[in-house]
């Protein structure tokens, strides 16, 4: 019985870690796309300034 409980806790811990890593990766990809959008806008601004 005690061994089954420890195995359940071990599996639950791995599931929680996997989900946490998924959330971190998802949030990181959102930040990357946000930063890429900013970079695109800044490139346009720099181009306009260079053409002045």
PDB file of N, CA and C in Angstrom:
ATOM      1  N   UNK A   1       0.830  -1.199   0.000  1.00  0.00           N
ATOM      2  CA  UNK A   1       0.000   0.000   0.000  1.00  0.00           C
ATOM      3  C   UNK A   1       0.870   1.258   0.000  1.00  0.00           C
ATOM      4  N   UNK A   2       1.884   1.264   0.887  1.00  0.00           N
ATOM      5  CA  UNK A   2       2.756   2.428   0.977  1.00  0.00           C
ATOM      6  C   UNK A   2       3.551   2.615  -0.310  1.00  0.00           C
ATOM      7  N   UNK A   3       3.959   1.500  -0.923  1.00  0.00           N
ATOM      8  CA  UNK A   3       4.710   1.566  -2.173  1.00  0.00           C
ATOM      9  C   UNK A   3       3.843   2.121  -3.304  1.00  0.00           C
ATOM     10  N   UNK A   4       2.573   1.739  -3.337  1.00  0.00           N
ATOM     11  CA  UNK A   4       1.650   2.257  -4.354  1.00  0.00           C
ATOM     12  C   UNK A   4       1.456   3.765  -4.201  1.00  0.00           C
ATOM     13  N   UNK A   5       1.344   4.230  -2.968  1.00  0.00           N
ATOM     14  CA  UNK A   5       1.172   5.655  -2.713  1.00  0.00           C
ATOM     15  C   UNK A   5       2.407   6.431  -3.168  1.00  0.00           C
ATOM     16  N   UNK A   6       3.597   5.905  -2.883  1.00  0.00           N
ATOM     17  CA  UNK A   6       4.829   6.572  -3.307  1.00  0.00           C
ATOM     18  C   UNK A   6       4.933   6.608  -4.837  1.00  0.00           C
ATOM     19  N   UNK A   7       4.517   5.534  -5.494  1.00  0.00           N
ATOM     20  CA  UNK A   7       4.538   5.500  -6.956  1.00  0.00           C
ATOM     21  C   UNK A   7       3.556   6.534  -7.530  1.00  0.00           C
ATOM     22  N   UNK A   8       2.399   6.647  -6.916  1.00  0.00           N
ATOM     23  CA  UNK A   8       1.404   7.636  -7.347  1.00  0.00           C
ATOM     24  C   UNK A   8       1.957   9.052  -7.187  1.00  0.00           C
ATOM     25  N   UNK A   9       2.591   9.317  -6.072  1.00  0.00           N
ATOM     26  CA  UNK A   9       3.176  10.638  -5.820  1.00  0.00           C
ATOM     27  C   UNK A   9       4.272  10.923  -6.841  1.00  0.00           C
ATOM     28  N   UNK A  10       5.076   9.918  -7.181  1.00  0.00           N
ATOM     29  CA  UNK A  10       6.152  10.089  -8.156  1.00  0.00           C
ATOM     30  C   UNK A  10       5.575  10.434  -9.534  1.00  0.00           C
ATOM     31  N   UNK A  11       4.563   9.722  -9.953  1.00  0.00           N
ATOM     32  CA  UNK A  11       3.942   9.981 -11.249  1.00  0.00           C
ATOM     33  C   UNK A  11       3.290  11.353 -11.258  1.00  0.00           C
ATOM     34  N   UNK A  12       2.596  11.709 -10.192  1.00  0.00           N
ATOM     35  CA  UNK A  12       1.950  13.018 -10.104  1.00  0.00           C
ATOM     36  C   UNK A  12       2.994  14.132 -10.169  1.00  0.00           C
ATOM     37  N   UNK A  13       4.142  13.925  -9.531  1.00  0.00           N
ATOM     38  CA  UNK A  13       5.218  14.929  -9.571  1.00  0.00           C
ATOM     39  C   UNK A  13       5.737  15.119 -10.986  1.00  0.00           C
ATOM     40  N   UNK A  14       5.928  14.028 -11.722  1.00  0.00           N
ATOM     41  CA  UNK A  14       6.389  14.128 -13.101  1.00  0.00           C
ATOM     42  C   UNK A  14       5.364  14.842 -13.987  1.00  0.00           C
ATOM     43  N   UNK A  15       4.088  14.570 -13.752  1.00  0.00           N
ATOM     44  CA  UNK A  15       3.041  15.236 -14.527  1.00  0.00           C
ATOM     45  C   UNK A  15       3.055  16.737 -14.247  1.00  0.00           C
ATOM     46  N   UNK A  16       3.201  17.110 -12.995  1.00  0.00           N
ATOM     47  CA  UNK A  16       3.248  18.525 -12.627  1.00  0.00           C
ATOM     48  C   UNK A  16       4.472  19.195 -13.241  1.00  0.00           C
ATOM     49  N   UNK A  17       5.631  18.522 -13.210  1.00  0.00           N
ATOM     50  CA  UNK A  17       6.840  19.099 -13.813  1.00  0.00           C
ATOM     51  C   UNK A  17       6.679  19.255 -15.323  1.00  0.00           C
ATOM     52  N   UNK A  18       6.095  18.264 -15.981  1.00  0.00           N
ATOM     53  CA  UNK A  18       5.897  18.340 -17.425  1.00  0.00           C
ATOM     54  C   UNK A  18       4.960  19.490 -17.776  1.00  0.00           C
ATOM     55  N   UNK A  19       3.890  19.643 -17.035  1.00  0.00           N
ATOM     56  CA  UNK A  19       2.956  20.737 -17.285  1.00  0.00           C
ATOM     57  C   UNK A  19       3.618  22.087 -17.049  1.00  0.00           C
ATOM     58  N   UNK A  20       4.418  22.189 -16.004  1.00  0.00           N
ATOM     59  CA  UNK A  20       5.122  23.439 -15.713  1.00  0.00           C
ATOM     60  C   UNK A  20       6.076  23.806 -16.840  1.00  0.00           C
ATOM     61  N   UNK A  21       6.802  22.828 -17.357  1.00  0.00           N
ATOM     62  CA  UNK A  21       7.718  23.088 -18.471  1.00  0.00           C
ATOM     63  C   UNK A  21       6.948  23.509 -19.721  1.00  0.00           C
ATOM     64  N   UNK A  22       5.789  22.914 -19.935  1.00  0.00           N
ATOM     65  CA  UNK A  22       4.947  23.305 -21.070  1.00  0.00           C
ATOM     66  C   UNK A  22       4.516  24.763 -20.947  1.00  0.00           C
ATOM     67  N   UNK A  23       4.093  25.170 -19.765  1.00  0.00           N
ATOM     68  CA  UNK A  23       3.641  26.549 -19.542  1.00  0.00           C
ATOM     69  C   UNK A  23       4.803  27.515 -19.748  1.00  0.00           C
ATOM     70  N   UNK A  24       5.984  27.164 -19.246  1.00  0.00           N
ATOM     71  CA  UNK A  24       7.163  28.022 -19.423  1.00  0.00           C
ATOM     72  C   UNK A  24       7.491  28.169 -20.908  1.00  0.00           C
ATOM     73  N   UNK A  25       7.476  27.064 -21.648  1.00  0.00           N
ATOM     74  CA  UNK A  25       7.780  27.117 -23.084  1.00  0.00           C
ATOM     75  C   UNK A  25       6.733  27.932 -23.833  1.00  0.00           C
ATOM     76  N   UNK A  26       5.465  27.775 -23.481  1.00  0.00           N
ATOM     77  CA  UNK A  26       4.394  28.510 -24.147  1.00  0.00           C
ATOM     78  C   UNK A  26       4.527  30.015 -23.894  1.00  0.00           C
ATOM     79  N   UNK A  27       4.795  30.382 -22.646  1.00  0.00           N
ATOM     80  CA  UNK A  27       4.963  31.800 -22.318  1.00  0.00           C
ATOM     81  C   UNK A  27       6.197  32.384 -23.007  1.00  0.00           C
ATOM     82  N   UNK A  28       7.252  31.604 -23.110  1.00  0.00           N
ATOM     83  CA  UNK A  28       8.461  32.070 -23.786  1.00  0.00           C
ATOM     84  C   UNK A  28       8.194  32.312 -25.264  1.00  0.00           C
ATOM     85  N   UNK A  29       7.431  31.434 -25.902  1.00  0.00           N
ATOM     86  CA  UNK A  29       7.142  31.624 -27.324  1.00  0.00           C
ATOM     87  C   UNK A  29       6.262  32.853 -27.535  1.00  0.00           C
ATOM     88  N   UNK A  30       5.347  33.129 -26.595  1.00  0.00           N
ATOM     89  CA  UNK A  30       4.534  34.337 -26.691  1.00  0.00           C
ATOM     90  C   UNK A  30       5.410  35.579 -26.581  1.00  0.00           C
ATOM     91  N   UNK A  31       6.378  35.553 -25.680  1.00  0.00           N
ATOM     92  CA  UNK A  31       7.275  36.693 -25.507  1.00  0.00           C
ATOM     93  C   UNK A  31       8.140  36.901 -26.744  1.00  0.00           C
ATOM     94  N   UNK A  32       8.604  35.813 -27.345  1.00  0.00           N
ATOM     95  CA  UNK A  32       9.439  35.918 -28.543  1.00  0.00           C
ATOM     96  C   UNK A  32       8.653  36.571 -29.666  1.00  0.00           C
ATOM     97  N   UNK A  33       7.417  36.148 -29.875  1.00  0.00           N
ATOM     98  CA  UNK A  33       6.630  36.741 -30.960  1.00  0.00           C
ATOM     99  C   UNK A  33       6.316  38.209 -30.656  1.00  0.00           C
ATOM    100  N   UNK A  34       6.097  38.540 -29.400  1.00  0.00           N
ATOM    101  CA  UNK A  34       5.869  39.937 -29.016  1.00  0.00           C
ATOM    102  C   UNK A  34       7.109  40.777 -29.307  1.00  0.00           C
ATOM    103  N   UNK A  35       8.280  40.258 -28.930  1.00  0.00           N
ATOM    104  CA  UNK A  35       9.533  40.983 -29.176  1.00  0.00           C
ATOM    105  C   UNK A  35       9.833  41.101 -30.665  1.00  0.00           C
ATOM    106  N   UNK A  36       9.482  40.095 -31.441  1.00  0.00           N
ATOM    107  CA  UNK A  36       9.681  40.171 -32.888  1.00  0.00           C
ATOM    108  C   UNK A  36       8.796  41.254 -33.498  1.00  0.00           C
ATOM    109  N   UNK A  37       7.595  41.414 -32.972  1.00  0.00           N
ATOM    110  CA  UNK A  37       6.718  42.484 -33.434  1.00  0.00           C
ATOM    111  C   UNK A  37       7.304  43.851 -33.138  1.00  0.00           C
ATOM    112  N   UNK A  38       7.864  44.000 -31.946  1.00  0.00           N
ATOM    113  CA  UNK A  38       8.518  45.262 -31.587  1.00  0.00           C
ATOM    114  C   UNK A  38       9.707  45.519 -32.501  1.00  0.00           C
ATOM    115  N   UNK A  39      10.482  44.472 -32.768  1.00  0.00           N
ATOM    116  CA  UNK A  39      11.647  44.614 -33.646  1.00  0.00           C
ATOM    117  C   UNK A  39      11.229  45.081 -35.038  1.00  0.00           C
ATOM    118  N   UNK A  40      10.138  44.539 -35.544  1.00  0.00           N
ATOM    119  CA  UNK A  40       9.664  44.937 -36.868  1.00  0.00           C
ATOM    120  C   UNK A  40       9.271  46.409 -36.878  1.00  0.00           C
ATOM    121  N   UNK A  41       8.596  46.866 -35.834  1.00  0.00           N
ATOM    122  CA  UNK A  41       8.206  48.274 -35.758  1.00  0.00           C
ATOM    123  C   UNK A  41       9.434  49.177 -35.641  1.00  0.00           C
ATOM    124  N   UNK A  42      10.404  48.766 -34.847  1.00  0.00           N
ATOM    125  CA  UNK A  42      11.618  49.566 -34.697  1.00  0.00           C
ATOM    126  C   UNK A  42      12.388  49.650 -36.011  1.00  0.00           C
ATOM    127  N   UNK A  43      12.407  48.568 -36.760  1.00  0.00           N
ATOM    128  CA  UNK A  43      13.090  48.584 -38.057  1.00  0.00           C
ATOM    129  C   UNK A  43      12.441  49.605 -38.979  1.00  0.00           C
ATOM    130  N   UNK A  44      11.129  49.660 -38.968  1.00  0.00           N
ATOM    131  CA  UNK A  44      10.406  50.641 -39.782  1.00  0.00           C
ATOM    132  C   UNK A  44      10.720  52.063 -39.350  1.00  0.00           C
ATOM    133  N   UNK A  45      10.799  52.277 -38.056  1.00  0.00           N
ATOM    134  CA  UNK A  45      11.121  53.615 -37.536  1.00  0.00           C
ATOM    135  C   UNK A  45      12.540  54.013 -37.944  1.00  0.00           C
ATOM    136  N   UNK A  46      13.494  53.082 -37.797  1.00  0.00           N
ATOM    137  CA  UNK A  46      14.881  53.391 -38.170  1.00  0.00           C
ATOM    138  C   UNK A  46      15.004  53.672 -39.660  1.00  0.00           C
ATOM    139  N   UNK A  47      14.278  52.934 -40.461  1.00  0.00           N
ATOM    140  CA  UNK A  47      14.296  53.178 -41.913  1.00  0.00           C
ATOM    141  C   UNK A  47      13.760  54.569 -42.223  1.00  0.00           C
ATOM    142  N   UNK A  48      12.667  54.931 -41.583  1.00  0.00           N
ATOM    143  CA  UNK A  48      12.086  56.252 -41.820  1.00  0.00           C
ATOM    144  C   UNK A  48      13.043  57.356 -41.384  1.00  0.00           C
ATOM    145  N   UNK A  49      13.719  57.172 -40.284  1.00  0.00           N
ATOM    146  CA  UNK A  49      14.684  58.163 -39.809  1.00  0.00           C
ATOM    147  C   UNK A  49      15.876  58.285 -40.748  1.00  0.00           C
ATOM    148  N   UNK A  50      16.315  57.156 -41.294  1.00  0.00           N
ATOM    149  CA  UNK A  50      17.446  57.185 -42.216  1.00  0.00           C
ATOM    150  C   UNK A  50      17.078  57.868 -43.530  1.00  0.00           C
ATOM    151  N   UNK A  51      15.798  57.829 -43.887  1.00  0.00           N
ATOM    152  CA  UNK A  51      15.362  58.450 -45.146  1.00  0.00           C
ATOM    153  C   UNK A  51      15.113  59.953 -45.017  1.00  0.00           C
ATOM    154  N   UNK A  52      15.206  60.463 -43.805  1.00  0.00           N
ATOM    155  CA  UNK A  52      14.983  61.914 -43.611  1.00  0.00           C
ATOM    156  C   UNK A  52      16.136  62.744 -44.111  1.00  0.00           C
TER     157      UNK A  52
END
